[in-house]
Protein backbone atom coordinates (compact mmCIF):
# COMPACT_ATOMS: atom_id res chain seq x y z
CA MET A 1 -84.13 -19.49 -15.76
CA LEU A 2 -84.58 -16.72 -13.23
CA ALA A 3 -82.58 -18.66 -10.66
CA VAL A 4 -79.75 -19.34 -13.12
CA GLY A 5 -79.58 -15.63 -14.03
CA ALA A 6 -79.37 -14.62 -10.41
CA ILE A 7 -76.50 -17.01 -9.81
CA LEU A 8 -74.58 -15.70 -12.83
CA CYS A 9 -75.13 -12.12 -11.71
CA PHE A 10 -73.86 -12.98 -8.22
CA LEU A 11 -70.74 -14.68 -9.55
CA THR A 12 -69.97 -11.77 -11.86
CA LEU A 13 -70.31 -9.14 -9.14
CA GLY A 14 -68.32 -11.26 -6.68
CA GLY A 15 -65.45 -11.74 -9.15
CA LEU A 16 -65.27 -8.03 -9.74
CA ALA A 17 -65.16 -7.46 -6.01
CA LEU A 18 -62.32 -9.93 -5.61
CA MET A 19 -60.36 -8.33 -8.45
CA SER A 20 -60.79 -4.85 -7.00
CA GLY A 21 -59.94 -5.97 -3.42
CA ASN A 22 -63.00 -4.15 -2.05
CA ASP A 23 -63.83 -7.02 0.29
CA GLY A 24 -60.82 -6.05 2.42
CA SER A 25 -59.39 -9.59 2.42
CA GLN A 26 -56.68 -8.91 -0.18
CA SER A 27 -53.33 -7.29 0.82
CA GLU A 28 -52.31 -4.17 -1.01
CA VAL A 29 -49.56 -4.38 -3.64
CA PRO A 30 -46.35 -2.98 -1.99
CA GLN A 31 -45.26 0.32 -3.43
CA ALA A 32 -41.89 0.10 -5.23
CA PRO A 33 -39.09 1.72 -3.26
CA THR A 34 -37.68 4.97 -4.45
CA ASP A 35 -34.69 4.20 -6.70
CA PRO A 36 -32.70 6.75 -8.68
CA THR A 37 -32.58 4.32 -11.59
CA LEU A 38 -36.40 4.23 -11.88
CA ARG A 39 -37.73 6.81 -14.31
CA SER A 40 -41.51 6.19 -14.37
CA ILE A 41 -44.24 3.64 -13.82
CA ASP A 42 -46.91 3.84 -16.57
CA ASP A 43 -50.54 2.79 -16.43
CA THR A 44 -49.60 -0.83 -17.09
CA ASN A 45 -47.30 -0.87 -14.02
CA SER A 46 -44.24 -1.46 -16.26
CA ILE A 47 -40.99 0.08 -14.98
CA ASP A 48 -38.87 2.11 -17.35
CA THR A 49 -35.29 1.68 -16.09
CA VAL A 50 -32.28 3.73 -17.00
CA SER A 51 -29.31 1.66 -18.13
CA GLU A 52 -26.07 2.70 -16.48
CA GLU A 53 -22.46 2.18 -17.47
CA PRO A 54 -20.41 0.25 -14.88
CA VAL A 55 -18.49 2.59 -12.56
CA LEU A 56 -15.88 2.11 -9.87
CA PRO A 57 -17.45 1.61 -6.44
CA ALA A 58 -17.28 4.31 -3.79
CA ALA A 59 -17.00 2.76 -0.33
CA ASP A 60 -18.96 4.16 2.62
CA PHE A 61 -20.61 2.74 5.73
CA TRP A 62 -22.19 3.56 9.08
CA SER A 63 -23.03 1.71 12.28
CA ASP A 64 -25.87 1.60 14.79
CA ASN A 65 -23.52 2.79 17.55
CA THR A 66 -19.91 3.86 17.91
CA SER A 67 -19.26 3.63 21.66
CA GLY A 68 -20.12 1.64 24.74
CA GLY A 69 -18.86 -0.77 27.35
CA ALA A 70 -17.27 -4.11 26.55
CA PRO A 71 -18.57 -6.40 25.22
CA LEU A 72 -19.94 -3.96 22.60
CA LYS A 73 -22.10 -5.38 19.81
CA VAL A 74 -22.08 -3.20 16.67
CA GLN A 75 -24.17 -3.57 13.49
CA PHE A 76 -22.34 -2.16 10.44
CA PHE A 77 -24.28 -1.05 7.36
CA ASP A 78 -22.76 -0.84 3.88
CA GLU A 79 -23.68 2.43 2.16
CA SER A 80 -21.37 2.18 -0.84
CA ASN A 81 -22.21 3.39 -4.33
CA GLY A 82 -21.39 1.71 -7.63
CA SER A 83 -23.11 -1.67 -7.03
CA PRO A 84 -20.28 -3.55 -5.31
CA THR A 85 -20.32 -7.33 -5.55
CA SER A 86 -18.00 -8.16 -2.65
CA TRP A 87 -17.12 -6.63 0.70
CA ASN A 88 -14.12 -6.91 3.00
CA TRP A 89 -14.27 -5.43 6.52
CA ASN A 90 -11.43 -4.83 8.97
CA PHE A 91 -12.83 -4.04 12.42
CA GLY A 92 -9.49 -2.86 13.82
CA ASP A 93 -9.11 -5.65 16.38
CA ARG A 94 -7.58 -8.19 13.96
CA VAL A 95 -11.02 -9.53 13.00
CA THR A 96 -12.35 -9.33 9.43
CA SER A 97 -15.58 -10.15 7.59
CA THR A 98 -16.79 -10.53 4.01
CA LYS A 99 -20.48 -9.92 4.74
CA GLN A 100 -22.20 -6.85 3.34
CA ASN A 101 -23.74 -5.76 6.65
CA PRO A 102 -21.83 -7.61 9.38
CA ILE A 103 -22.42 -7.65 13.11
CA HIS A 104 -19.28 -7.58 15.26
CA THR A 105 -18.72 -7.71 19.01
CA TYR A 106 -15.75 -5.86 20.52
CA THR A 107 -14.63 -7.69 23.66
CA THR A 108 -11.72 -5.50 24.74
CA ALA A 109 -11.70 -1.82 25.71
CA GLY A 110 -9.97 0.43 23.19
CA VAL A 111 -10.40 2.85 20.31
CA TYR A 112 -10.68 1.09 16.96
CA THR A 113 -10.23 2.14 13.33
CA VAL A 114 -12.66 0.45 10.92
CA GLY A 115 -12.09 -0.07 7.19
CA GLU A 116 -14.37 -1.36 4.45
CA THR A 117 -13.16 -2.35 0.96
CA VAL A 118 -15.79 -2.86 -1.74
CA THR A 119 -15.20 -4.40 -5.16
CA ASN A 120 -17.04 -4.70 -8.44
CA GLU A 121 -15.99 -5.61 -11.98
CA GLU A 122 -14.48 -2.16 -12.49
CA GLY A 123 -12.20 -2.16 -9.45
CA LYS A 124 -12.20 -1.51 -5.69
CA ASP A 125 -12.35 1.34 -3.17
CA THR A 126 -11.62 1.55 0.56
CA GLU A 127 -13.21 3.71 3.25
CA ILE A 128 -11.22 4.02 6.50
CA LYS A 129 -12.75 5.66 9.57
CA THR A 130 -10.07 6.39 12.11
CA LYS A 131 -10.90 6.01 15.83
CA TYR A 132 -14.47 5.14 14.83
CA ILE A 133 -15.41 2.72 17.63
CA THR A 134 -14.71 3.51 21.29
CA VAL A 135 -15.07 0.61 23.73
CA THR A 136 -14.75 1.13 27.47
CA SER A 137 -14.26 -1.49 30.15
CA SER A 138 -17.41 -2.64 31.92
CA LYS A 139 -16.42 -0.78 35.08
CA ASP A 140 -16.07 2.56 33.31
CA THR A 141 -19.00 4.93 33.57
CA ASP A 142 -17.80 7.39 30.95
CA THR A 143 -18.78 6.25 27.44
CA LEU A 144 -16.21 8.62 25.88
CA VAL A 145 -18.54 9.42 22.99
CA ASP A 146 -17.12 12.93 22.79
CA THR A 147 -13.55 11.82 21.93
CA GLY A 148 -14.10 10.85 18.34
CA SER A 149 -17.75 11.23 17.46
CA THR A 150 -18.39 12.86 14.15
CA GLU A 151 -21.27 14.48 12.37
CA LYS A 152 -21.78 11.24 10.45
CA ASN A 153 -22.00 9.34 13.74
CA THR A 154 -24.82 11.63 14.80
CA ASP A 155 -26.64 10.95 11.53
CA THR A 156 -26.31 7.19 11.84
CA ALA A 157 -27.60 7.20 15.39
CA SER A 158 -30.82 8.85 14.25
CA ARG A 159 -31.12 6.68 11.13
CA SER A 160 -30.74 3.46 13.07
CA GLY A 161 -33.50 4.40 15.47
CA GLY A 162 -31.05 4.60 18.37
CA THR A 163 -30.43 7.43 20.75
CA ALA A 164 -28.95 10.49 19.07
CA LEU A 165 -25.70 11.84 20.45
CA THR A 166 -25.96 14.62 22.98
CA ASP A 167 -24.97 18.18 22.21
CA THR A 168 -21.73 17.62 24.13
CA ALA A 169 -20.86 14.64 21.96
CA SER A 170 -21.66 16.43 18.71
CA GLN A 171 -19.31 19.24 19.60
CA SER A 172 -16.20 17.13 18.96
CA THR A 173 -12.89 18.83 18.51
CA GLY A 174 -12.46 17.44 14.97
CA THR A 175 -12.80 14.52 12.62
CA ALA A 176 -10.26 12.49 10.73
CA PRO A 177 -9.74 13.84 7.21
CA THR A 178 -11.05 12.28 4.01
CA ALA A 179 -8.30 12.60 1.40
CA ASP A 180 -8.97 13.74 -2.16
CA PHE A 181 -7.12 15.76 -4.80
CA SER A 182 -7.11 16.87 -8.42
CA ALA A 183 -4.44 17.74 -10.99
CA SER A 184 -4.03 20.67 -13.38
CA HIS A 185 -3.75 18.07 -16.17
CA THR A 186 -3.30 14.31 -16.29
CA THR A 187 -1.68 13.74 -19.70
CA GLY A 188 1.11 15.30 -21.73
CA GLU A 189 4.64 14.91 -23.06
CA ALA A 190 7.76 14.57 -20.94
CA PRO A 191 8.89 16.60 -19.13
CA LEU A 192 5.32 17.09 -17.78
CA LYS A 193 4.81 19.62 -14.99
CA VAL A 194 1.67 18.96 -12.95
CA SER A 195 0.16 21.09 -10.19
CA PHE A 196 -1.78 19.05 -7.64
CA THR A 197 -4.59 20.57 -5.56
CA ASP A 198 -5.61 19.13 -2.21
CA GLU A 199 -9.40 18.71 -1.98
CA SER A 200 -9.49 16.81 1.31
CA THR A 201 -12.17 17.42 3.91
CA GLY A 202 -11.74 17.37 7.68
CA SER A 203 -9.19 20.19 7.95
CA PRO A 204 -5.91 18.29 7.50
CA THR A 205 -2.77 19.95 8.82
CA GLU A 206 -0.20 17.71 7.14
CA TRP A 207 0.05 16.21 3.65
CA LYS A 208 2.11 13.34 2.25
CA TRP A 209 2.46 12.73 -1.51
CA ASN A 210 3.79 9.80 -3.54
CA PHE A 211 3.93 10.76 -7.23
CA GLY A 212 4.56 7.20 -8.36
CA ASP A 213 7.65 7.79 -10.51
CA GLY A 214 10.28 6.78 -7.99
CA SER A 215 10.90 10.32 -6.79
CA PRO A 216 11.14 10.88 -3.02
CA ILE A 217 7.89 10.88 -1.05
CA ILE A 218 7.24 14.41 0.27
CA ASP A 219 5.68 15.12 3.66
CA GLY A 220 5.08 18.49 5.29
CA THR A 221 2.69 20.99 6.84
CA THR A 222 3.00 24.07 4.61
CA SER A 223 1.02 25.12 1.53
CA ALA A 224 3.87 23.84 -0.64
CA TYR A 225 3.02 20.35 0.60
CA GLN A 226 -0.74 20.88 0.50
CA ASN A 227 -0.73 21.87 -3.19
CA PRO A 228 2.58 20.66 -4.64
CA THR A 229 3.93 20.91 -8.18
CA HIS A 230 5.81 17.94 -9.62
CA THR A 231 7.59 17.36 -12.94
CA TYR A 232 7.50 13.91 -14.54
CA GLU A 233 10.73 13.50 -16.49
CA LYS A 234 10.05 10.18 -18.22
CA ALA A 235 7.26 8.60 -20.24
CA GLY A 236 5.00 6.25 -18.31
CA VAL A 237 1.66 5.80 -16.57
CA TYR A 238 1.83 6.78 -12.91
CA GLU A 239 -0.21 6.15 -9.75
CA VAL A 240 -0.53 9.10 -7.36
CA LYS A 241 -1.21 8.87 -3.61
CA GLU A 242 -2.06 11.63 -1.17
CA THR A 243 -2.32 11.10 2.59
CA ALA A 244 -4.16 13.82 4.53
CA ILE A 245 -3.39 13.99 8.25
CA ASN A 246 -4.66 15.85 11.29
CA SER A 247 -4.60 15.30 15.05
CA VAL A 248 -7.56 12.91 14.88
CA GLY A 249 -6.31 10.56 12.15
CA ARG A 250 -5.30 10.16 8.51
CA ASP A 251 -6.71 8.95 5.19
CA THR A 252 -5.05 8.04 1.87
CA GLU A 253 -6.49 8.60 -1.60
CA THR A 254 -4.90 6.47 -4.35
CA LYS A 255 -5.54 7.18 -8.03
CA THR A 256 -4.20 4.37 -10.19
CA GLY A 257 -3.00 5.20 -13.71
CA TYR A 258 -3.77 8.86 -12.99
CA ILE A 259 -0.91 10.57 -14.82
CA THR A 260 0.03 9.53 -18.38
CA VAL A 261 3.29 10.92 -19.74
CA THR A 262 4.36 10.29 -23.34
CA ALA A 263 7.77 10.65 -24.95
CA PRO A 264 8.13 13.90 -26.94
CA ASP A 265 8.01 12.01 -30.25
CA SER A 266 5.32 9.53 -29.19
CA THR A 267 1.58 9.60 -29.73
CA ASP A 268 0.93 6.46 -27.71
CA THR A 269 -0.61 7.58 -24.40
CA THR A 270 -0.03 4.20 -22.82
CA SER A 271 3.69 3.92 -23.51
CA GLU A 272 5.76 2.31 -20.78
CA PRO A 273 8.80 3.99 -19.22
CA THR A 274 11.75 4.07 -21.65
CA GLU A 275 14.15 2.87 -18.92
CA THR A 276 14.44 -0.68 -17.65
CA ALA A 277 16.15 -2.20 -14.65
CA PRO A 278 19.80 -3.04 -15.34
CA ASP A 279 21.22 -6.49 -16.05
CA ALA A 280 24.56 -6.61 -14.27
CA ASP A 281 27.71 -8.08 -15.86
CA PHE A 282 31.45 -7.36 -15.81
CA SER A 283 34.87 -8.60 -16.88
CA ALA A 284 38.47 -8.25 -15.68
CA ASP A 285 41.69 -7.56 -17.58
CA ILE A 286 43.38 -10.35 -15.62
CA THR A 287 41.94 -13.08 -13.39
CA SER A 288 45.09 -14.69 -11.95
CA GLY A 289 48.62 -13.71 -10.91
CA THR A 290 51.06 -13.22 -8.08
CA ALA A 291 50.34 -10.98 -5.08
CA PRO A 292 50.16 -8.04 -5.11
CA LEU A 293 47.82 -8.41 -8.11
CA THR A 294 46.22 -5.26 -9.58
CA VAL A 295 43.04 -5.94 -11.54
CA THR A 296 40.99 -3.51 -13.64
CA PHE A 297 37.29 -4.39 -13.76
CA THR A 298 35.06 -3.30 -16.65
CA ASP A 299 31.32 -2.85 -16.23
CA GLU A 300 29.39 -4.60 -19.03
CA SER A 301 25.90 -4.18 -17.61
CA THR A 302 22.91 -3.35 -19.80
CA GLY A 303 20.01 -1.08 -18.90
CA SER A 304 21.76 2.29 -18.47
CA SER A 305 23.10 1.95 -14.94
CA THR A 306 23.76 5.16 -13.02
CA GLU A 307 25.33 3.65 -9.87
CA TRP A 308 27.68 0.73 -9.22
CA LYS A 309 28.50 -1.25 -6.09
CA TRP A 310 31.50 -3.63 -5.93
CA ASN A 311 32.54 -6.30 -3.44
CA PHE A 312 36.01 -7.61 -4.35
CA GLY A 313 35.75 -10.52 -1.93
CA ASP A 314 39.01 -10.03 -0.04
CA GLY A 315 37.58 -8.20 2.99
CA SER A 316 38.33 -4.75 1.60
CA PRO A 317 35.57 -2.13 1.94
CA ILE A 318 32.63 -2.38 -0.46
CA ILE A 319 32.70 0.59 -2.83
CA ASP A 320 29.57 2.32 -4.09
CA GLY A 321 29.31 5.40 -6.31
CA THR A 322 28.07 7.05 -9.49
CA THR A 323 31.26 8.12 -11.29
CA SER A 324 33.38 6.29 -13.86
CA ALA A 325 35.84 5.36 -11.10
CA TYR A 326 33.07 3.22 -9.61
CA GLN A 327 31.83 1.93 -12.96
CA ASN A 328 35.23 0.57 -13.98
CA PRO A 329 37.31 0.31 -10.79
CA THR A 330 40.87 -0.91 -10.28
CA HIS A 331 41.64 -3.05 -7.23
CA THR A 332 44.83 -4.58 -5.83
CA TYR A 333 44.74 -7.96 -4.11
CA GLU A 334 47.49 -8.02 -1.47
CA LYS A 335 47.24 -11.66 -0.32
CA ALA A 336 47.11 -15.04 -1.98
CA GLY A 337 43.65 -16.54 -2.29
CA VAL A 338 40.72 -17.35 -4.55
CA TYR A 339 38.21 -14.54 -4.53
CA GLU A 340 34.55 -14.10 -5.39
CA VAL A 341 33.61 -10.76 -7.04
CA LYS A 342 30.17 -9.09 -6.99
CA GLU A 343 28.94 -6.11 -8.96
CA THR A 344 25.53 -4.49 -8.36
CA ALA A 345 24.27 -2.24 -11.18
CA ILE A 346 21.60 0.31 -10.19
CA ASN A 347 19.30 2.83 -11.89
CA SER A 348 16.01 4.55 -11.02
CA VAL A 349 13.99 1.53 -12.14
CA GLY A 350 15.80 -1.17 -10.15
CA ARG A 351 19.03 -3.06 -9.47
CA ASP A 352 20.72 -6.36 -10.35
CA THR A 353 23.76 -8.21 -8.94
CA GLU A 354 26.24 -10.37 -10.85
CA THR A 355 28.29 -12.77 -8.70
CA LYS A 356 31.35 -14.60 -10.08
CA THR A 357 32.58 -17.24 -7.68
CA GLY A 358 36.31 -18.11 -7.63
CA TYR A 359 36.87 -15.40 -10.26
CA ILE A 360 40.25 -14.02 -9.12
CA THR A 361 43.13 -16.35 -8.21
CA VAL A 362 46.15 -14.81 -6.46
CA THR A 363 49.29 -16.81 -5.62
CA SER A 364 52.12 -16.04 -3.22
CA PRO A 365 55.31 -14.57 -4.72
CA GLU A 366 57.32 -17.64 -3.63
CA ASP A 367 54.96 -20.02 -5.44
CA THR A 368 56.49 -21.38 -8.64
CA GLY A 369 53.26 -22.78 -10.04
CA THR A 370 49.92 -21.20 -10.75
CA SER A 371 48.00 -23.81 -8.83
CA VAL A 372 46.61 -22.99 -5.41
CA ASP A 373 45.56 -26.56 -4.59
CA THR A 374 48.33 -26.85 -1.95
CA GLY A 375 46.44 -24.57 0.38
CA THR A 376 48.97 -21.76 0.40
CA ALA A 377 46.42 -19.57 -1.37
CA SER A 378 43.52 -20.20 0.95
CA GLU A 379 40.33 -18.19 0.51
CA PRO A 380 39.70 -15.46 3.10
CA THR A 381 37.63 -16.80 5.96
CA GLU A 382 35.21 -13.86 5.96
CA THR A 383 34.09 -10.96 3.77
CA ALA A 384 31.98 -7.91 4.43
CA PRO A 385 28.26 -8.65 4.03
CA VAL A 386 26.01 -7.48 1.17
CA ALA A 387 22.63 -6.62 2.65
CA ASP A 388 19.35 -7.75 1.10
CA PHE A 389 15.91 -8.78 2.37
CA SER A 390 12.34 -9.63 1.39
CA ALA A 391 8.91 -9.36 3.04
CA SER A 392 6.04 -11.82 3.47
CA GLN A 393 3.78 -9.16 1.89
CA THR A 394 4.23 -5.54 0.84
CA SER A 395 0.67 -4.19 1.04
CA GLY A 396 -2.49 -4.59 3.11
CA GLU A 397 -4.87 -2.99 5.55
CA VAL A 398 -4.23 -1.55 9.03
CA PRO A 399 -3.05 -3.21 11.24
CA LEU A 400 -0.60 -4.92 8.86
CA THR A 401 1.81 -7.51 10.33
CA ILE A 402 4.79 -8.37 8.10
CA SER A 403 7.56 -10.92 8.49
CA PHE A 404 10.88 -9.77 7.05
CA SER A 405 13.50 -12.28 5.87
CA ASP A 406 17.21 -11.48 5.79
CA GLU A 407 18.75 -12.50 2.43
CA SER A 408 22.16 -10.93 2.96
CA THR A 409 25.36 -12.62 1.83
CA GLY A 410 28.72 -12.61 3.60
CA SER A 411 27.60 -14.27 6.85
CA PRO A 412 26.46 -11.26 8.87
CA THR A 413 26.33 -11.72 12.63
CA GLU A 414 24.31 -8.62 13.51
CA TRP A 415 21.27 -6.97 11.93
CA LYS A 416 19.80 -3.48 12.26
CA TRP A 417 16.29 -2.62 10.96
CA ASN A 418 14.46 0.67 10.37
CA PHE A 419 10.82 0.01 9.44
CA GLY A 420 10.18 3.60 8.35
CA ASP A 421 7.05 4.28 10.44
CA GLY A 422 8.69 6.08 13.34
CA SER A 423 8.96 2.95 15.47
CA PRO A 424 12.28 2.34 17.30
CA ILE A 425 15.17 1.03 15.22
CA ILE A 426 16.01 -2.52 16.32
CA ASP A 427 19.56 -3.91 16.46
CA GLY A 428 20.68 -7.32 17.64
CA THR A 429 22.46 -10.58 16.97
CA THR A 430 19.75 -13.24 17.42
CA SER A 431 17.38 -14.79 14.88
CA ALA A 432 14.64 -12.44 16.10
CA TYR A 433 16.70 -9.58 14.70
CA GLN A 434 17.77 -11.46 11.56
CA ASN A 435 14.16 -12.20 10.53
CA PRO A 436 11.94 -9.80 12.48
CA THR A 437 8.16 -9.37 12.45
CA HIS A 438 6.71 -5.85 12.55
CA THR A 439 3.15 -4.48 12.70
CA TYR A 440 2.28 -1.22 10.91
CA GLU A 441 -0.47 0.52 12.87
CA LYS A 442 -1.17 3.44 10.53
CA ALA A 443 -1.92 3.82 6.83
CA GLY A 444 0.97 5.08 4.71
CA VAL A 445 3.80 4.18 2.33
CA TYR A 446 6.98 3.17 4.17
CA GLU A 447 10.68 2.86 3.36
CA VAL A 448 12.50 -0.09 4.96
CA LYS A 449 16.25 -0.28 5.73
CA GLU A 450 18.32 -3.28 6.79
CA THR A 451 21.99 -3.07 7.80
CA ALA A 452 23.90 -6.36 7.80
CA ILE A 453 27.07 -6.41 9.92
CA ASN A 454 29.98 -8.74 10.58
CA SER A 455 33.56 -8.36 11.86
CA VAL A 456 34.80 -7.31 8.42
CA GLY A 457 32.29 -4.54 7.68
CA ARG A 458 28.67 -3.61 7.09
CA ASP A 459 26.26 -2.86 4.25
CA THR A 460 22.79 -1.25 4.11
CA GLU A 461 19.93 -2.12 1.77
CA ILE A 462 17.22 0.57 1.37
CA LYS A 463 13.87 -0.16 -0.31
CA THR A 464 11.93 3.04 -0.88
CA GLY A 465 8.11 2.93 -0.88
CA TYR A 466 8.37 -0.79 -0.10
CA ILE A 467 5.40 -1.21 2.27
CA THR A 468 1.96 0.23 1.46
CA VAL A 469 -0.62 0.21 4.29
CA THR A 470 -4.23 1.28 3.66
């Protein structure tokens, strides 16, 4: 009995020792990391968590280094808030990644802008760091870390365990701005006057605003452009964009659905604009007769058009204006022929074109019949073009390469393009000019113009705010 008792006592004491870990053979339980969502850990080691409402993500990132000789291997670290569920990186050298913390090797010397877009169920946000990575050729001895290094770069060097930037590098001449703004109010009845306040960091010297209601984009360097006032004339829900610019770079802040304007007699804060794009249509008081044949055209478009463009099909100049003389024009056909007529109806929301082929038949005075089958009333061989075009895509990240497609009518033989980003206007007669490809190197919202030309005349199509580059 004494031996049995001793064994039981030994087992009991040994079990307690194992449970307490006093024998030194058991690893300690890791301490939970500090987390702002953890409120307390009670005596039972249960964690009391704070439930949070889903919020839009806020993109941010850093890297273990920002400069060096090629090939330069860089580890990027996602530091976004808002619990993103997907990541999209643009390293600035036409390479992308969807990893959260990617590693990328730059093989060519240059200065690169890096962008990260993060997404969760509430939406997405993009952080763009202009001139963030500087890569020198292997023969260069100057690492150029003082040409774009920022305070954040200094922080990330110390956090990553790498060598901190020198005092000379930290004394950079400036950083690219981070755009942000607020509004005096974001809802109200039309006409709604809103004062915007620039809250960007990084000492921008130029500001560009897109108020989202079809009004012209403004761009300038004075206080009137830094803190503009804008009046929304029509009911609708509007996106507002501000681009802050300085000598180092630029950044764009986009606030979707930021301004809500209601009609004076409406209580619905989500009402759509009261105006719609027009639906073009027209008629003529006479569609056949002997030359010279004078025809009065009547606009029958719906959608409250404010501008009208007419192509009478006989090689005469295309007319375009906003008065009643352009809405319901009179035109005289001087030569025999069968003519196609086009009317384009335009308002602030959009445009639409109605084309009526073989609509007007004009015979020669010596013809005794109304038929033009004999060939004496041949159709004109050429008419002035009507310009139009489309793009392979209208939005994306820097650098954004877009293929434009000419959709003009009237058999143009020459094309002129203005891509709206300050690049040279191109003008030529080959397929490379008819359907050009252009790369936008900087973030912004760009207007695109195409002029279609032939021996009869020319026409220009302008699409405002057509290309958005982030």
